[in-house]
Amino acid sequence: MSAHVSYETPNDLAEKIYELVQANNNGRMKKGSNEVTKAAERGSAKFIIMAEDVNPPELLAHIPLICKEKGIPFGYVPSQEFLGKEAGMPAGVRTASLALLEVSKGAQEKFNEIVELIKGLNN
């Protein structure tokens, strides 16, 4: 496990997180570690997603700590390239992390389900 990964994410949960990002494409998002860090520190993020394949992993090591301090739920997905694709970024563009600043109405139920599943893993 990488330095920034604090729990093992089951494949079905990672798939649901990708689906949430895609379903929330009309909602506001911040992409990239710097923007995600700012959103976490300000407490404006509703949910933070980090890719497990980030190199170096220390790039994201501080984000779970900020999330825990601010009470922001966070999850992991295997691929930063696939995360970028699901976030609507151009082909071949990757993102190490993503912050959802709002959850669109169509994605609210999926968001609630994911947060509950993550609470079970994070204990």
PDB file of N, CA and C in Angstrom:
ATOM      1  N   MET A   1       0.837  -1.179   0.000  1.00  0.00           N
ATOM      2  CA  MET A   1       0.000   0.000   0.000  1.00  0.00           C
ATOM      3  C   MET A   1       0.886   1.248   0.000  1.00  0.00           C
ATOM      4  N   SER A   2       0.482   2.262  -0.736  1.00  0.00           N
ATOM      5  CA  SER A   2       1.234   3.517  -0.813  1.00  0.00           C
ATOM      6  C   SER A   2       1.148   4.299   0.489  1.00  0.00           C
ATOM      7  N   ALA A   3       2.035   5.258   0.641  1.00  0.00           N
ATOM      8  CA  ALA A   3       2.105   6.072   1.858  1.00  0.00           C
ATOM      9  C   ALA A   3       0.813   6.847   2.115  1.00  0.00           C
ATOM     10  N   HIS A   4       0.106   7.255   1.067  1.00  0.00           N
ATOM     11  CA  HIS A   4      -1.096   8.066   1.248  1.00  0.00           C
ATOM     12  C   HIS A   4      -2.377   7.243   1.375  1.00  0.00           C
ATOM     13  N   VAL A   5      -2.291   5.933   1.202  1.00  0.00           N
ATOM     14  CA  VAL A   5      -3.474   5.073   1.251  1.00  0.00           C
ATOM     15  C   VAL A   5      -3.638   4.536   2.667  1.00  0.00           C
ATOM     16  N   SER A   6      -4.755   4.891   3.321  1.00  0.00           N
ATOM     17  CA  SER A   6      -4.938   4.495   4.716  1.00  0.00           C
ATOM     18  C   SER A   6      -5.860   3.294   4.897  1.00  0.00           C
ATOM     19  N   TYR A   7      -6.497   2.821   3.836  1.00  0.00           N
ATOM     20  CA  TYR A   7      -7.289   1.596   3.909  1.00  0.00           C
ATOM     21  C   TYR A   7      -7.393   0.978   2.518  1.00  0.00           C
ATOM     22  N   GLU A   8      -7.654  -0.315   2.489  1.00  0.00           N
ATOM     23  CA  GLU A   8      -7.785  -1.080   1.242  1.00  0.00           C
ATOM     24  C   GLU A   8      -9.172  -0.834   0.651  1.00  0.00           C
ATOM     25  N   THR A   9      -9.232  -0.412  -0.601  1.00  0.00           N
ATOM     26  CA  THR A   9     -10.507  -0.145  -1.264  1.00  0.00           C
ATOM     27  C   THR A   9     -10.918  -1.348  -2.109  1.00  0.00           C
ATOM     28  N   PRO A  10     -12.064  -1.958  -1.788  1.00  0.00           N
ATOM     29  CA  PRO A  10     -12.544  -3.069  -2.621  1.00  0.00           C
ATOM     30  C   PRO A  10     -12.843  -2.583  -4.050  1.00  0.00           C
ATOM     31  N   ASN A  11     -12.700  -3.468  -5.023  1.00  0.00           N
ATOM     32  CA  ASN A  11     -12.920  -3.099  -6.424  1.00  0.00           C
ATOM     33  C   ASN A  11     -14.319  -2.567  -6.690  1.00  0.00           C
ATOM     34  N   ASP A  12     -15.336  -3.163  -6.049  1.00  0.00           N
ATOM     35  CA  ASP A  12     -16.702  -2.690  -6.290  1.00  0.00           C
ATOM     36  C   ASP A  12     -16.901  -1.273  -5.759  1.00  0.00           C
ATOM     37  N   LEU A  13     -16.248  -0.924  -4.663  1.00  0.00           N
ATOM     38  CA  LEU A  13     -16.336   0.436  -4.138  1.00  0.00           C
ATOM     39  C   LEU A  13     -15.612   1.417  -5.059  1.00  0.00           C
ATOM     40  N   ALA A  14     -14.448   1.040  -5.549  1.00  0.00           N
ATOM     41  CA  ALA A  14     -13.714   1.903  -6.486  1.00  0.00           C
ATOM     42  C   ALA A  14     -14.561   2.166  -7.728  1.00  0.00           C
ATOM     43  N   GLU A  15     -15.262   1.150  -8.197  1.00  0.00           N
ATOM     44  CA  GLU A  15     -16.136   1.305  -9.373  1.00  0.00           C
ATOM     45  C   GLU A  15     -17.263   2.288  -9.075  1.00  0.00           C
ATOM     46  N   LYS A  16     -17.827   2.206  -7.870  1.00  0.00           N
ATOM     47  CA  LYS A  16     -18.896   3.134  -7.480  1.00  0.00           C
ATOM     48  C   LYS A  16     -18.367   4.563  -7.396  1.00  0.00           C
ATOM     49  N   ILE A  17     -17.134   4.729  -6.937  1.00  0.00           N
ATOM     50  CA  ILE A  17     -16.537   6.066  -6.858  1.00  0.00           C
ATOM     51  C   ILE A  17     -16.351   6.636  -8.262  1.00  0.00           C
ATOM     52  N   TYR A  18     -15.853   5.819  -9.192  1.00  0.00           N
ATOM     53  CA  TYR A  18     -15.736   6.273 -10.585  1.00  0.00           C
ATOM     54  C   TYR A  18     -17.107   6.689 -11.130  1.00  0.00           C
ATOM     55  N   GLU A  19     -18.140   5.890 -10.838  1.00  0.00           N
ATOM     56  CA  GLU A  19     -19.495   6.202 -11.303  1.00  0.00           C
ATOM     57  C   GLU A  19     -19.994   7.508 -10.694  1.00  0.00           C
ATOM     58  N   LEU A  20     -19.670   7.744  -9.422  1.00  0.00           N
ATOM     59  CA  LEU A  20     -20.059   8.994  -8.774  1.00  0.00           C
ATOM     60  C   LEU A  20     -19.427  10.186  -9.481  1.00  0.00           C
ATOM     61  N   VAL A  21     -18.147  10.094  -9.793  1.00  0.00           N
ATOM     62  CA  VAL A  21     -17.458  11.187 -10.485  1.00  0.00           C
ATOM     63  C   VAL A  21     -18.128  11.452 -11.825  1.00  0.00           C
ATOM     64  N   GLN A  22     -18.422  10.400 -12.558  1.00  0.00           N
ATOM     65  CA  GLN A  22     -19.055  10.556 -13.865  1.00  0.00           C
ATOM     66  C   GLN A  22     -20.462  11.134 -13.722  1.00  0.00           C
ATOM     67  N   ALA A  23     -21.231  10.661 -12.753  1.00  0.00           N
ATOM     68  CA  ALA A  23     -22.597  11.146 -12.540  1.00  0.00           C
ATOM     69  C   ALA A  23     -22.609  12.583 -12.042  1.00  0.00           C
ATOM     70  N   ASN A  24     -21.540  12.997 -11.400  1.00  0.00           N
ATOM     71  CA  ASN A  24     -21.460  14.339 -10.813  1.00  0.00           C
ATOM     72  C   ASN A  24     -20.784  15.342 -11.749  1.00  0.00           C
ATOM     73  N   ASN A  25     -20.630  15.011 -13.008  1.00  0.00           N
ATOM     74  CA  ASN A  25     -19.916  15.886 -13.934  1.00  0.00           C
ATOM     75  C   ASN A  25     -20.502  17.287 -14.027  1.00  0.00           C
ATOM     76  N   ASN A  26     -21.782  17.459 -13.684  1.00  0.00           N
ATOM     77  CA  ASN A  26     -22.374  18.798 -13.689  1.00  0.00           C
ATOM     78  C   ASN A  26     -22.098  19.545 -12.389  1.00  0.00           C
ATOM     79  N   GLY A  27     -21.643  18.829 -11.374  1.00  0.00           N
ATOM     80  CA  GLY A  27     -21.309  19.463 -10.103  1.00  0.00           C
ATOM     81  C   GLY A  27     -19.924  20.088 -10.152  1.00  0.00           C
ATOM     82  N   ARG A  28     -19.641  20.939  -9.194  1.00  0.00           N
ATOM     83  CA  ARG A  28     -18.329  21.598  -9.160  1.00  0.00           C
ATOM     84  C   ARG A  28     -17.283  20.648  -8.597  1.00  0.00           C
ATOM     85  N   MET A  29     -16.101  20.638  -9.243  1.00  0.00           N
ATOM     86  CA  MET A  29     -14.987  19.782  -8.828  1.00  0.00           C
ATOM     87  C   MET A  29     -13.691  20.564  -8.893  1.00  0.00           C
ATOM     88  N   LYS A  30     -12.749  20.165  -8.059  1.00  0.00           N
ATOM     89  CA  LYS A  30     -11.374  20.662  -8.137  1.00  0.00           C
ATOM     90  C   LYS A  30     -10.502  19.468  -8.467  1.00  0.00           C
ATOM     91  N   LYS A  31      -9.562  19.674  -9.386  1.00  0.00           N
ATOM     92  CA  LYS A  31      -8.709  18.581  -9.849  1.00  0.00           C
ATOM     93  C   LYS A  31      -7.255  18.904  -9.568  1.00  0.00           C
ATOM     94  N   GLY A  32      -6.483  17.889  -9.168  1.00  0.00           N
ATOM     95  CA  GLY A  32      -5.061  18.058  -8.904  1.00  0.00           C
ATOM     96  C   GLY A  32      -4.784  18.253  -7.429  1.00  0.00           C
ATOM     97  N   SER A  33      -3.603  17.847  -7.002  1.00  0.00           N
ATOM     98  CA  SER A  33      -3.283  17.836  -5.568  1.00  0.00           C
ATOM     99  C   SER A  33      -3.298  19.224  -4.936  1.00  0.00           C
ATOM    100  N   ASN A  34      -2.828  20.251  -5.632  1.00  0.00           N
ATOM    101  CA  ASN A  34      -2.824  21.597  -5.044  1.00  0.00           C
ATOM    102  C   ASN A  34      -4.239  22.118  -4.819  1.00  0.00           C
ATOM    103  N   GLU A  35      -5.090  21.994  -5.825  1.00  0.00           N
ATOM    104  CA  GLU A  35      -6.474  22.463  -5.706  1.00  0.00           C
ATOM    105  C   GLU A  35      -7.249  21.652  -4.671  1.00  0.00           C
ATOM    106  N   VAL A  36      -7.011  20.356  -4.632  1.00  0.00           N
ATOM    107  CA  VAL A  36      -7.691  19.492  -3.668  1.00  0.00           C
ATOM    108  C   VAL A  36      -7.244  19.832  -2.247  1.00  0.00           C
ATOM    109  N   THR A  37      -5.956  20.090  -2.064  1.00  0.00           N
ATOM    110  CA  THR A  37      -5.448  20.481  -0.745  1.00  0.00           C
ATOM    111  C   THR A  37      -6.129  21.759  -0.270  1.00  0.00           C
ATOM    112  N   LYS A  38      -6.235  22.752  -1.151  1.00  0.00           N
ATOM    113  CA  LYS A  38      -6.899  24.016  -0.785  1.00  0.00           C
ATOM    114  C   LYS A  38      -8.360  23.781  -0.411  1.00  0.00           C
ATOM    115  N   ALA A  39      -9.066  22.974  -1.200  1.00  0.00           N
ATOM    116  CA  ALA A  39     -10.477  22.693  -0.917  1.00  0.00           C
ATOM    117  C   ALA A  39     -10.631  21.976   0.425  1.00  0.00           C
ATOM    118  N   ALA A  40      -9.718  21.062   0.725  1.00  0.00           N
ATOM    119  CA  ALA A  40      -9.767  20.343   2.005  1.00  0.00           C
ATOM    120  C   ALA A  40      -9.482  21.292   3.165  1.00  0.00           C
ATOM    121  N   GLU A  41      -8.442  22.108   3.032  1.00  0.00           N
ATOM    122  CA  GLU A  41      -8.087  23.039   4.109  1.00  0.00           C
ATOM    123  C   GLU A  41      -9.199  24.045   4.380  1.00  0.00           C
ATOM    124  N   ARG A  42      -9.879  24.480   3.345  1.00  0.00           N
ATOM    125  CA  ARG A  42     -10.976  25.449   3.494  1.00  0.00           C
ATOM    126  C   ARG A  42     -12.267  24.786   3.969  1.00  0.00           C
ATOM    127  N   GLY A  43     -12.309  23.465   3.904  1.00  0.00           N
ATOM    128  CA  GLY A  43     -13.509  22.744   4.306  1.00  0.00           C
ATOM    129  C   GLY A  43     -14.622  22.805   3.271  1.00  0.00           C
ATOM    130  N   SER A  44     -14.300  23.194   2.038  1.00  0.00           N
ATOM    131  CA  SER A  44     -15.325  23.323   0.996  1.00  0.00           C
ATOM    132  C   SER A  44     -15.571  22.020   0.241  1.00  0.00           C
ATOM    133  N   ALA A  45     -14.733  21.025   0.434  1.00  0.00           N
ATOM    134  CA  ALA A  45     -14.892  19.740  -0.259  1.00  0.00           C
ATOM    135  C   ALA A  45     -15.930  18.883   0.458  1.00  0.00           C
ATOM    136  N   LYS A  46     -16.803  18.265  -0.314  1.00  0.00           N
ATOM    137  CA  LYS A  46     -17.786  17.321   0.237  1.00  0.00           C
ATOM    138  C   LYS A  46     -17.225  15.899   0.249  1.00  0.00           C
ATOM    139  N   PHE A  47     -16.313  15.630  -0.703  1.00  0.00           N
ATOM    140  CA  PHE A  47     -15.737  14.293  -0.836  1.00  0.00           C
ATOM    141  C   PHE A  47     -14.440  14.417  -1.621  1.00  0.00           C
ATOM    142  N   ILE A  48     -13.414  13.684  -1.194  1.00  0.00           N
ATOM    143  CA  ILE A  48     -12.121  13.726  -1.878  1.00  0.00           C
ATOM    144  C   ILE A  48     -11.766  12.325  -2.353  1.00  0.00           C
ATOM    145  N   ILE A  49     -11.289  12.267  -3.590  1.00  0.00           N
ATOM    146  CA  ILE A  49     -10.904  11.006  -4.218  1.00  0.00           C
ATOM    147  C   ILE A  49      -9.435  11.087  -4.584  1.00  0.00           C
ATOM    148  N   MET A  50      -8.679  10.053  -4.229  1.00  0.00           N
ATOM    149  CA  MET A  50      -7.249  10.009  -4.546  1.00  0.00           C
ATOM    150  C   MET A  50      -6.933   8.735  -5.319  1.00  0.00           C
ATOM    151  N   ALA A  51      -6.035   8.846  -6.273  1.00  0.00           N
ATOM    152  CA  ALA A  51      -5.591   7.678  -7.034  1.00  0.00           C
ATOM    153  C   ALA A  51      -4.502   6.955  -6.248  1.00  0.00           C
ATOM    154  N   GLU A  52      -4.548   5.640  -6.261  1.00  0.00           N
ATOM    155  CA  GLU A  52      -3.551   4.842  -5.544  1.00  0.00           C
ATOM    156  C   GLU A  52      -2.222   4.768  -6.282  1.00  0.00           C
ATOM    157  N   ASP A  53      -2.234   4.974  -7.601  1.00  0.00           N
ATOM    158  CA  ASP A  53      -1.014   4.801  -8.398  1.00  0.00           C
ATOM    159  C   ASP A  53      -0.191   6.086  -8.556  1.00  0.00           C
ATOM    160  N   VAL A  54      -0.332   7.007  -7.618  1.00  0.00           N
ATOM    161  CA  VAL A  54       0.410   8.274  -7.666  1.00  0.00           C
ATOM    162  C   VAL A  54       1.885   8.015  -7.352  1.00  0.00           C
ATOM    163  N   ASN A  55       2.752   8.656  -8.105  1.00  0.00           N
ATOM    164  CA  ASN A  55       4.189   8.514  -7.897  1.00  0.00           C
ATOM    165  C   ASN A  55       4.833   9.893  -7.940  1.00  0.00           C
ATOM    166  N   PRO A  56       5.473  10.337  -6.885  1.00  0.00           N
ATOM    167  CA  PRO A  56       5.684   9.671  -5.598  1.00  0.00           C
ATOM    168  C   PRO A  56       4.425   9.740  -4.730  1.00  0.00           C
ATOM    169  N   PRO A  57       4.181   8.725  -3.917  1.00  0.00           N
ATOM    170  CA  PRO A  57       2.980   8.696  -3.090  1.00  0.00           C
ATOM    171  C   PRO A  57       2.936   9.820  -2.055  1.00  0.00           C
ATOM    172  N   GLU A  58       4.101  10.358  -1.714  1.00  0.00           N
ATOM    173  CA  GLU A  58       4.149  11.452  -0.733  1.00  0.00           C
ATOM    174  C   GLU A  58       3.410  12.695  -1.227  1.00  0.00           C
ATOM    175  N   LEU A  59       3.166  12.768  -2.522  1.00  0.00           N
ATOM    176  CA  LEU A  59       2.452  13.890  -3.117  1.00  0.00           C
ATOM    177  C   LEU A  59       1.085  14.089  -2.460  1.00  0.00           C
ATOM    178  N   LEU A  60       0.460  12.989  -2.049  1.00  0.00           N
ATOM    179  CA  LEU A  60      -0.879  13.050  -1.459  1.00  0.00           C
ATOM    180  C   LEU A  60      -0.911  12.672   0.019  1.00  0.00           C
ATOM    181  N   ALA A  61       0.226  12.428   0.627  1.00  0.00           N
ATOM    182  CA  ALA A  61       0.271  11.911   2.001  1.00  0.00           C
ATOM    183  C   ALA A  61      -0.424  12.815   3.015  1.00  0.00           C
ATOM    184  N   HIS A  62      -0.438  14.113   2.776  1.00  0.00           N
ATOM    185  CA  HIS A  62      -1.033  15.062   3.722  1.00  0.00           C
ATOM    186  C   HIS A  62      -2.562  15.139   3.614  1.00  0.00           C
ATOM    187  N   ILE A  63      -3.122  14.743   2.485  1.00  0.00           N
ATOM    188  CA  ILE A  63      -4.554  14.941   2.257  1.00  0.00           C
ATOM    189  C   ILE A  63      -5.426  14.114   3.207  1.00  0.00           C
ATOM    190  N   PRO A  64      -5.164  12.812   3.434  1.00  0.00           N
ATOM    191  CA  PRO A  64      -6.000  12.083   4.395  1.00  0.00           C
ATOM    192  C   PRO A  64      -5.970  12.699   5.800  1.00  0.00           C
ATOM    193  N   LEU A  65      -4.833  13.241   6.198  1.00  0.00           N
ATOM    194  CA  LEU A  65      -4.735  13.878   7.522  1.00  0.00           C
ATOM    195  C   LEU A  65      -5.637  15.104   7.605  1.00  0.00           C
ATOM    196  N   ILE A  66      -5.621  15.925   6.563  1.00  0.00           N
ATOM    197  CA  ILE A  66      -6.484  17.112   6.531  1.00  0.00           C
ATOM    198  C   ILE A  66      -7.952  16.685   6.533  1.00  0.00           C
ATOM    199  N   CYS A  67      -8.274  15.669   5.736  1.00  0.00           N
ATOM    200  CA  CYS A  67      -9.656  15.183   5.662  1.00  0.00           C
ATOM    201  C   CYS A  67     -10.154  14.716   7.025  1.00  0.00           C
ATOM    202  N   LYS A  68      -9.335  13.964   7.735  1.00  0.00           N
ATOM    203  CA  LYS A  68      -9.727  13.480   9.062  1.00  0.00           C
ATOM    204  C   LYS A  68      -9.930  14.643  10.022  1.00  0.00           C
ATOM    205  N   GLU A  69      -9.042  15.626   9.956  1.00  0.00           N
ATOM    206  CA  GLU A  69      -9.144  16.803  10.821  1.00  0.00           C
ATOM    207  C   GLU A  69     -10.418  17.599  10.536  1.00  0.00           C
ATOM    208  N   LYS A  70     -10.788  17.716   9.266  1.00  0.00           N
ATOM    209  CA  LYS A  70     -11.947  18.524   8.862  1.00  0.00           C
ATOM    210  C   LYS A  70     -13.239  17.712   8.758  1.00  0.00           C
ATOM    211  N   GLY A  71     -13.149  16.386   8.923  1.00  0.00           N
ATOM    212  CA  GLY A  71     -14.338  15.543   8.825  1.00  0.00           C
ATOM    213  C   GLY A  71     -14.847  15.363   7.402  1.00  0.00           C
ATOM    214  N   ILE A  72     -13.943  15.392   6.431  1.00  0.00           N
ATOM    215  CA  ILE A  72     -14.304  15.232   5.020  1.00  0.00           C
ATOM    216  C   ILE A  72     -14.105  13.766   4.629  1.00  0.00           C
ATOM    217  N   PRO A  73     -15.142  13.113   4.104  1.00  0.00           N
ATOM    218  CA  PRO A  73     -14.951  11.726   3.662  1.00  0.00           C
ATOM    219  C   PRO A  73     -14.015  11.670   2.457  1.00  0.00           C
ATOM    220  N   PHE A  74     -13.224  10.594   2.372  1.00  0.00           N
ATOM    221  CA  PHE A  74     -12.298  10.444   1.253  1.00  0.00           C
ATOM    222  C   PHE A  74     -12.221   8.984   0.850  1.00  0.00           C
ATOM    223  N   GLY A  75     -11.902   8.785  -0.430  1.00  0.00           N
ATOM    224  CA  GLY A  75     -11.802   7.436  -0.959  1.00  0.00           C
ATOM    225  C   GLY A  75     -10.678   7.323  -1.964  1.00  0.00           C
ATOM    226  N   TYR A  76     -10.408   6.096  -2.356  1.00  0.00           N
ATOM    227  CA  TYR A  76      -9.307   5.817  -3.280  1.00  0.00           C
ATOM    228  C   TYR A  76      -9.818   5.069  -4.500  1.00  0.00           C
ATOM    229  N   VAL A  77      -9.161   5.308  -5.618  1.00  0.00           N
ATOM    230  CA  VAL A  77      -9.395   4.560  -6.853  1.00  0.00           C
ATOM    231  C   VAL A  77      -8.034   4.098  -7.364  1.00  0.00           C
ATOM    232  N   PRO A  78      -7.991   3.011  -8.132  1.00  0.00           N
ATOM    233  CA  PRO A  78      -6.694   2.480  -8.566  1.00  0.00           C
ATOM    234  C   PRO A  78      -5.918   3.366  -9.541  1.00  0.00           C
ATOM    235  N   SER A  79      -6.597   4.082 -10.442  1.00  0.00           N
ATOM    236  CA  SER A  79      -5.905   4.711 -11.563  1.00  0.00           C
ATOM    237  C   SER A  79      -6.150   6.208 -11.688  1.00  0.00           C
ATOM    238  N   GLN A  80      -5.059   6.981 -11.719  1.00  0.00           N
ATOM    239  CA  GLN A  80      -5.207   8.417 -11.930  1.00  0.00           C
ATOM    240  C   GLN A  80      -5.616   8.734 -13.371  1.00  0.00           C
ATOM    241  N   GLU A  81      -5.233   7.894 -14.320  1.00  0.00           N
ATOM    242  CA  GLU A  81      -5.637   8.119 -15.712  1.00  0.00           C
ATOM    243  C   GLU A  81      -7.146   7.916 -15.874  1.00  0.00           C
ATOM    244  N   PHE A  82      -7.674   6.848 -15.265  1.00  0.00           N
ATOM    245  CA  PHE A  82      -9.109   6.583 -15.354  1.00  0.00           C
ATOM    246  C   PHE A  82      -9.893   7.631 -14.565  1.00  0.00           C
ATOM    247  N   LEU A  83      -9.350   8.106 -13.455  1.00  0.00           N
ATOM    248  CA  LEU A  83      -9.995   9.166 -12.681  1.00  0.00           C
ATOM    249  C   LEU A  83     -10.123  10.427 -13.529  1.00  0.00           C
ATOM    250  N   GLY A  84      -9.057  10.784 -14.246  1.00  0.00           N
ATOM    251  CA  GLY A  84      -9.109  11.938 -15.137  1.00  0.00           C
ATOM    252  C   GLY A  84     -10.155  11.771 -16.222  1.00  0.00           C
ATOM    253  N   LYS A  85     -10.229  10.568 -16.785  1.00  0.00           N
ATOM    254  CA  LYS A  85     -11.210  10.282 -17.845  1.00  0.00           C
ATOM    255  C   LYS A  85     -12.629  10.437 -17.315  1.00  0.00           C
ATOM    256  N   GLU A  86     -12.910   9.864 -16.143  1.00  0.00           N
ATOM    257  CA  GLU A  86     -14.252   9.937 -15.567  1.00  0.00           C
ATOM    258  C   GLU A  86     -14.624  11.362 -15.164  1.00  0.00           C
ATOM    259  N   ALA A  87     -13.626  12.187 -14.896  1.00  0.00           N
ATOM    260  CA  ALA A  87     -13.874  13.583 -14.523  1.00  0.00           C
ATOM    261  C   ALA A  87     -14.069  14.477 -15.745  1.00  0.00           C
ATOM    262  N   GLY A  88     -14.017  13.874 -16.935  1.00  0.00           N
ATOM    263  CA  GLY A  88     -14.255  14.642 -18.148  1.00  0.00           C
ATOM    264  C   GLY A  88     -13.039  15.356 -18.692  1.00  0.00           C
ATOM    265  N   MET A  89     -11.857  14.962 -18.250  1.00  0.00           N
ATOM    266  CA  MET A  89     -10.631  15.577 -18.748  1.00  0.00           C
ATOM    267  C   MET A  89     -10.288  14.978 -20.115  1.00  0.00           C
ATOM    268  N   PRO A  90      -9.506  15.691 -20.935  1.00  0.00           N
ATOM    269  CA  PRO A  90      -9.149  15.171 -22.265  1.00  0.00           C
ATOM    270  C   PRO A  90      -8.427  13.824 -22.179  1.00  0.00           C
ATOM    271  N   ALA A  91      -8.513  13.054 -23.250  1.00  0.00           N
ATOM    272  CA  ALA A  91      -7.883  11.727 -23.305  1.00  0.00           C
ATOM    273  C   ALA A  91      -6.398  11.820 -22.981  1.00  0.00           C
ATOM    274  N   GLY A  92      -5.934  10.909 -22.134  1.00  0.00           N
ATOM    275  CA  GLY A  92      -4.521  10.860 -21.770  1.00  0.00           C
ATOM    276  C   GLY A  92      -4.138  11.771 -20.619  1.00  0.00           C
ATOM    277  N   VAL A  93      -5.052  12.631 -20.167  1.00  0.00           N
ATOM    278  CA  VAL A  93      -4.758  13.536 -19.048  1.00  0.00           C
ATOM    279  C   VAL A  93      -5.121  12.823 -17.753  1.00  0.00           C
ATOM    280  N   ARG A  94      -4.204  12.871 -16.787  1.00  0.00           N
ATOM    281  CA  ARG A  94      -4.398  12.188 -15.508  1.00  0.00           C
ATOM    282  C   ARG A  94      -4.598  13.212 -14.401  1.00  0.00           C
ATOM    283  N   THR A  95      -5.214  12.772 -13.324  1.00  0.00           N
ATOM    284  CA  THR A  95      -5.282  13.590 -12.122  1.00  0.00           C
ATOM    285  C   THR A  95      -5.043  12.691 -10.909  1.00  0.00           C
ATOM    286  N   ALA A  96      -4.197  13.158 -10.010  1.00  0.00           N
ATOM    287  CA  ALA A  96      -3.858  12.387  -8.820  1.00  0.00           C
ATOM    288  C   ALA A  96      -4.990  12.409  -7.804  1.00  0.00           C
ATOM    289  N   SER A  97      -5.753  13.501  -7.803  1.00  0.00           N
ATOM    290  CA  SER A  97      -6.823  13.634  -6.826  1.00  0.00           C
ATOM    291  C   SER A  97      -7.910  14.553  -7.362  1.00  0.00           C
ATOM    292  N   LEU A  98      -9.058  14.463  -6.701  1.00  0.00           N
ATOM    293  CA  LEU A  98     -10.233  15.200  -7.130  1.00  0.00           C
ATOM    294  C   LEU A  98     -11.048  15.532  -5.892  1.00  0.00           C
ATOM    295  N   ALA A  99     -11.578  16.738  -5.823  1.00  0.00           N
ATOM    296  CA  ALA A  99     -12.458  17.122  -4.725  1.00  0.00           C
ATOM    297  C   ALA A  99     -13.820  17.482  -5.298  1.00  0.00           C
ATOM    298  N   LEU A 100     -14.866  16.862  -4.783  1.00  0.00           N
ATOM    299  CA  LEU A 100     -16.220  17.248  -5.160  1.00  0.00           C
ATOM    300  C   LEU A 100     -16.640  18.365  -4.220  1.00  0.00           C
ATOM    301  N   LEU A 101     -16.927  19.539  -4.781  1.00  0.00           N
ATOM    302  CA  LEU A 101     -17.344  20.678  -3.969  1.00  0.00           C
ATOM    303  C   LEU A 101     -18.848  20.674  -3.742  1.00  0.00           C
ATOM    304  N   GLU A 102     -19.551  20.039  -4.639  1.00  0.00           N
ATOM    305  CA  GLU A 102     -20.987  19.838  -4.470  1.00  0.00           C
ATOM    306  C   GLU A 102     -21.351  18.532  -5.153  1.00  0.00           C
ATOM    307  N   VAL A 103     -22.436  17.953  -4.696  1.00  0.00           N
ATOM    308  CA  VAL A 103     -22.909  16.702  -5.280  1.00  0.00           C
ATOM    309  C   VAL A 103     -24.210  17.016  -6.005  1.00  0.00           C
ATOM    310  N   SER A 104     -24.255  16.728  -7.292  1.00  0.00           N
ATOM    311  CA  SER A 104     -25.460  17.015  -8.069  1.00  0.00           C
ATOM    312  C   SER A 104     -26.609  16.138  -7.579  1.00  0.00           C
ATOM    313  N   LYS A 105     -27.835  16.603  -7.805  1.00  0.00           N
ATOM    314  CA  LYS A 105     -29.018  15.900  -7.296  1.00  0.00           C
ATOM    315  C   LYS A 105     -29.081  14.455  -7.773  1.00  0.00           C
ATOM    316  N   GLY A 106     -28.704  14.219  -9.020  1.00  0.00           N
ATOM    317  CA  GLY A 106     -28.745  12.870  -9.567  1.00  0.00           C
ATOM    318  C   GLY A 106     -27.725  11.927  -8.953  1.00  0.00           C
ATOM    319  N   ALA A 107     -26.712  12.475  -8.300  1.00  0.00           N
ATOM    320  CA  ALA A 107     -25.639  11.657  -7.730  1.00  0.00           C
ATOM    321  C   ALA A 107     -25.721  11.546  -6.211  1.00  0.00           C
ATOM    322  N   GLN A 108     -26.696  12.196  -5.586  1.00  0.00           N
ATOM    323  CA  GLN A 108     -26.766  12.256  -4.122  1.00  0.00           C
ATOM    324  C   GLN A 108     -26.917  10.874  -3.483  1.00  0.00           C
ATOM    325  N   GLU A 109     -27.774  10.037  -4.053  1.00  0.00           N
ATOM    326  CA  GLU A 109     -27.998   8.707  -3.479  1.00  0.00           C
ATOM    327  C   GLU A 109     -26.718   7.866  -3.541  1.00  0.00           C
ATOM    328  N   LYS A 110     -26.033   7.905  -4.668  1.00  0.00           N
ATOM    329  CA  LYS A 110     -24.774   7.165  -4.831  1.00  0.00           C
ATOM    330  C   LYS A 110     -23.722   7.708  -3.857  1.00  0.00           C
ATOM    331  N   PHE A 111     -23.673   9.033  -3.694  1.00  0.00           N
ATOM    332  CA  PHE A 111     -22.739   9.669  -2.758  1.00  0.00           C
ATOM    333  C   PHE A 111     -22.977   9.152  -1.337  1.00  0.00           C
ATOM    334  N   ASN A 112     -24.229   9.156  -0.897  1.00  0.00           N
ATOM    335  CA  ASN A 112     -24.559   8.695   0.454  1.00  0.00           C
ATOM    336  C   ASN A 112     -24.161   7.234   0.662  1.00  0.00           C
ATOM    337  N   GLU A 113     -24.406   6.401  -0.344  1.00  0.00           N
ATOM    338  CA  GLU A 113     -24.040   4.981  -0.268  1.00  0.00           C
ATOM    339  C   GLU A 113     -22.523   4.818  -0.121  1.00  0.00           C
ATOM    340  N   ILE A 114     -21.760   5.563  -0.910  1.00  0.00           N
ATOM    341  CA  ILE A 114     -20.296   5.474  -0.875  1.00  0.00           C
ATOM    342  C   ILE A 114     -19.756   5.926   0.474  1.00  0.00           C
ATOM    343  N   VAL A 115     -20.284   7.023   0.996  1.00  0.00           N
ATOM    344  CA  VAL A 115     -19.815   7.535   2.292  1.00  0.00           C
ATOM    345  C   VAL A 115     -20.064   6.501   3.389  1.00  0.00           C
ATOM    346  N   GLU A 116     -21.216   5.837   3.364  1.00  0.00           N
ATOM    347  CA  GLU A 116     -21.511   4.804   4.364  1.00  0.00           C
ATOM    348  C   GLU A 116     -20.552   3.619   4.245  1.00  0.00           C
ATOM    349  N   LEU A 117     -20.266   3.200   3.013  1.00  0.00           N
ATOM    350  CA  LEU A 117     -19.326   2.093   2.807  1.00  0.00           C
ATOM    351  C   LEU A 117     -17.925   2.455   3.302  1.00  0.00           C
ATOM    352  N   ILE A 118     -17.511   3.687   3.052  1.00  0.00           N
ATOM    353  CA  ILE A 118     -16.176   4.137   3.471  1.00  0.00           C
ATOM    354  C   ILE A 118     -16.082   4.225   4.990  1.00  0.00           C
ATOM    355  N   LYS A 119     -17.154   4.660   5.639  1.00  0.00           N
ATOM    356  CA  LYS A 119     -17.151   4.713   7.110  1.00  0.00           C
ATOM    357  C   LYS A 119     -16.869   3.330   7.689  1.00  0.00           C
ATOM    358  N   GLY A 120     -17.424   2.299   7.072  1.00  0.00           N
ATOM    359  CA  GLY A 120     -17.188   0.928   7.524  1.00  0.00           C
ATOM    360  C   GLY A 120     -15.744   0.487   7.341  1.00  0.00           C
ATOM    361  N   LEU A 121     -15.082   0.972   6.297  1.00  0.00           N
ATOM    362  CA  LEU A 121     -13.683   0.611   6.035  1.00  0.00           C
ATOM    363  C   LEU A 121     -12.708   1.394   6.901  1.00  0.00           C
ATOM    364  N   ASN A 122     -13.076   2.605   7.237  1.00  0.00           N
ATOM    365  CA  ASN A 122     -12.177   3.543   7.911  1.00  0.00           C
ATOM    366  C   ASN A 122     -12.105   3.321   9.416  1.00  0.00           C
ATOM    367  N   ASN A 123     -12.923   2.431   9.948  1.00  0.00           N
ATOM    368  CA  ASN A 123     -12.920   2.215  11.406  1.00  0.00           C
ATOM    369  C   ASN A 123     -11.946   1.159  11.828  1.00  0.00           C
TER     370      ASN A 123
END
